[in-house]
Amino acid sequence: MTEPFPGSAPPETVDAPEAPAPQDAVAAQAADNPILAAIVEALKSVYDPEIPVNIYELGLIYGLDITPESDVIVRMTLTTPSCPVAGSLPGEVETVVREVEGVRDVEVELVWDPPWTPDKLSEAAKLELGLI
């Protein structure tokens, strides 16, 4: 995990579990946190270019840390380390989260453990892809 933003209080951590559907842990916390809910909606606007599902429903968001000062750390992965958008997708995530009202600063941390697998897809994503 990265160090918190300089001069800020420790973040409120919303970790997605290693179990399937990491977005479920974040969604449970979003109900009580308007900034987190807005961040989730922003993340739902970002799509994997090869799969017609947004990155949130794909289960690529492994966790969000929000400091009391509203600095945000996004922990995310990609479907594969050789993903063709590995260089651009984290920047796109940073941009959409930074645009959320109330967010002061954003850092995107690309992680590879645990590796992404299709069992991290949300039920909505599985339905969209015809997997259920």
Protein backbone atom coordinates (compact mmCIF):
# COMPACT_ATOMS: atom_id res chain seq x y z
CA MET A 1 0.00 0.00 0.00
CA THR A 2 1.17 3.49 -0.70
CA GLU A 3 1.85 6.10 1.95
CA PRO A 4 -1.07 8.45 2.66
CA PHE A 5 -0.97 11.86 1.05
CA PRO A 6 1.56 14.12 2.78
CA GLY A 7 0.04 16.01 5.70
CA SER A 8 -3.24 14.09 5.66
CA ALA A 9 -4.91 11.92 8.25
CA PRO A 10 -5.00 8.14 7.77
CA PRO A 11 -7.51 7.11 5.10
CA GLU A 12 -10.80 5.34 5.61
CA THR A 13 -10.08 2.09 3.83
CA VAL A 14 -12.62 0.20 1.80
CA ASP A 15 -10.94 -3.05 0.81
CA ALA A 16 -12.44 -5.38 -1.69
CA PRO A 17 -12.02 -8.97 -0.52
CA GLU A 18 -10.13 -11.61 -2.43
CA ALA A 19 -13.42 -13.46 -2.82
CA PRO A 20 -15.49 -13.00 -5.99
CA ALA A 21 -17.07 -9.66 -6.83
CA PRO A 22 -14.67 -7.22 -5.10
CA GLN A 23 -17.06 -4.37 -5.91
CA ASP A 24 -19.58 -5.69 -3.34
CA ALA A 25 -17.44 -4.52 -0.38
CA VAL A 26 -17.12 -1.05 -1.87
CA ALA A 27 -20.84 -0.85 -2.70
CA ALA A 28 -21.79 -1.69 0.88
CA GLN A 29 -19.73 1.26 2.14
CA ALA A 30 -20.96 3.61 -0.61
CA ALA A 31 -24.49 3.59 0.75
CA ASP A 32 -23.33 5.64 3.76
CA ASN A 33 -20.73 7.83 2.05
CA PRO A 34 -21.87 10.27 -0.67
CA ILE A 35 -18.34 10.92 -1.98
CA LEU A 36 -17.65 7.19 -2.22
CA ALA A 37 -20.99 6.67 -3.99
CA ALA A 38 -20.07 9.40 -6.50
CA ILE A 39 -16.65 7.81 -7.04
CA VAL A 40 -18.30 4.45 -7.74
CA GLU A 41 -20.59 6.11 -10.30
CA ALA A 42 -17.59 7.79 -11.91
CA LEU A 43 -15.75 4.46 -12.11
CA LYS A 44 -18.79 2.93 -13.80
CA SER A 45 -18.24 5.38 -16.68
CA VAL A 46 -14.86 3.82 -17.52
CA TYR A 47 -14.96 0.80 -19.82
CA ASP A 48 -12.44 -1.83 -20.72
CA PRO A 49 -11.98 -1.33 -24.47
CA GLU A 50 -12.02 -5.06 -25.21
CA ILE A 51 -14.93 -6.08 -22.97
CA PRO A 52 -18.26 -4.19 -23.13
CA VAL A 53 -18.45 -3.83 -19.33
CA ASN A 54 -17.28 -1.01 -17.08
CA ILE A 55 -14.20 -1.54 -14.92
CA TYR A 56 -16.17 -1.45 -11.68
CA GLU A 57 -18.51 -4.29 -12.69
CA LEU A 58 -15.53 -6.18 -14.13
CA GLY A 59 -14.11 -6.28 -10.61
CA LEU A 60 -10.96 -4.36 -11.50
CA ILE A 61 -11.35 -2.01 -8.52
CA TYR A 62 -9.78 -3.77 -5.55
CA GLY A 63 -10.22 -0.99 -3.04
CA LEU A 64 -10.60 2.70 -2.34
CA ASP A 65 -8.99 4.70 0.46
CA ILE A 66 -10.47 8.07 1.32
CA THR A 67 -8.76 10.36 3.81
CA PRO A 68 -10.73 12.78 5.99
CA GLU A 69 -9.38 15.49 3.66
CA SER A 70 -11.02 13.67 0.70
CA ASP A 71 -7.82 12.47 -0.91
CA VAL A 72 -8.53 9.19 -2.72
CA ILE A 73 -6.29 6.21 -3.39
CA VAL A 74 -7.72 3.76 -5.91
CA ARG A 75 -6.29 0.24 -5.90
CA MET A 76 -7.04 -1.45 -9.19
CA THR A 77 -5.84 -4.18 -11.46
CA LEU A 78 -6.18 -5.06 -15.12
CA THR A 79 -7.49 -8.24 -16.68
CA THR A 80 -3.91 -9.13 -17.63
CA PRO A 81 -0.48 -7.52 -17.16
CA SER A 82 -0.17 -7.35 -20.96
CA CYS A 83 -3.44 -5.40 -21.28
CA PRO A 84 -3.10 -2.97 -24.19
CA VAL A 85 -4.48 -0.09 -22.08
CA ALA A 86 -2.13 -0.65 -19.13
CA GLY A 87 -0.52 2.69 -19.83
CA SER A 88 -3.72 4.71 -20.27
CA LEU A 89 -6.47 3.16 -18.13
CA PRO A 90 -5.03 4.17 -14.73
CA GLY A 91 -4.78 7.76 -15.98
CA GLU A 92 -8.38 7.66 -17.16
CA VAL A 93 -9.44 6.36 -13.73
CA GLU A 94 -7.50 9.18 -12.05
CA THR A 95 -9.19 11.75 -14.28
CA VAL A 96 -12.77 10.61 -13.65
CA VAL A 97 -12.25 10.27 -9.88
CA ARG A 98 -10.58 13.70 -9.72
CA GLU A 99 -13.71 15.20 -11.34
CA VAL A 100 -15.95 13.96 -8.49
CA GLU A 101 -17.16 16.90 -6.43
CA GLY A 102 -15.47 16.96 -3.04
CA VAL A 103 -12.39 14.95 -4.06
CA ARG A 104 -9.20 16.88 -3.31
CA ASP A 105 -6.51 14.61 -4.78
CA VAL A 106 -6.27 11.17 -6.40
CA GLU A 107 -3.65 8.47 -6.65
CA VAL A 108 -4.16 5.26 -8.64
CA GLU A 109 -2.19 2.24 -7.51
CA LEU A 110 -2.00 -0.61 -10.03
CA VAL A 111 -1.81 -3.96 -8.22
CA TRP A 112 -1.46 -7.52 -9.49
CA ASP A 113 -2.16 -9.54 -6.37
CA PRO A 114 -4.54 -11.21 -6.32
CA PRO A 115 -4.62 -11.69 -10.07
CA TRP A 116 -7.89 -10.79 -11.77
CA THR A 117 -10.06 -13.74 -12.78
CA PRO A 118 -13.56 -13.84 -14.30
CA ASP A 119 -15.04 -14.84 -10.94
CA LYS A 120 -14.52 -11.21 -9.87
CA LEU A 121 -17.22 -10.12 -12.33
CA SER A 122 -20.39 -8.74 -10.77
CA GLU A 123 -23.68 -10.47 -11.44
CA ALA A 124 -24.59 -7.57 -13.77
CA ALA A 125 -21.37 -8.08 -15.75
CA LYS A 126 -21.93 -11.83 -16.00
CA LEU A 127 -25.43 -11.17 -17.30
CA GLU A 128 -24.15 -8.57 -19.81
CA LEU A 129 -21.55 -11.04 -21.08
CA GLY A 130 -24.03 -13.92 -21.27
CA LEU A 131 -22.26 -15.94 -18.59
CA ILE A 132 -25.43 -16.56 -16.58
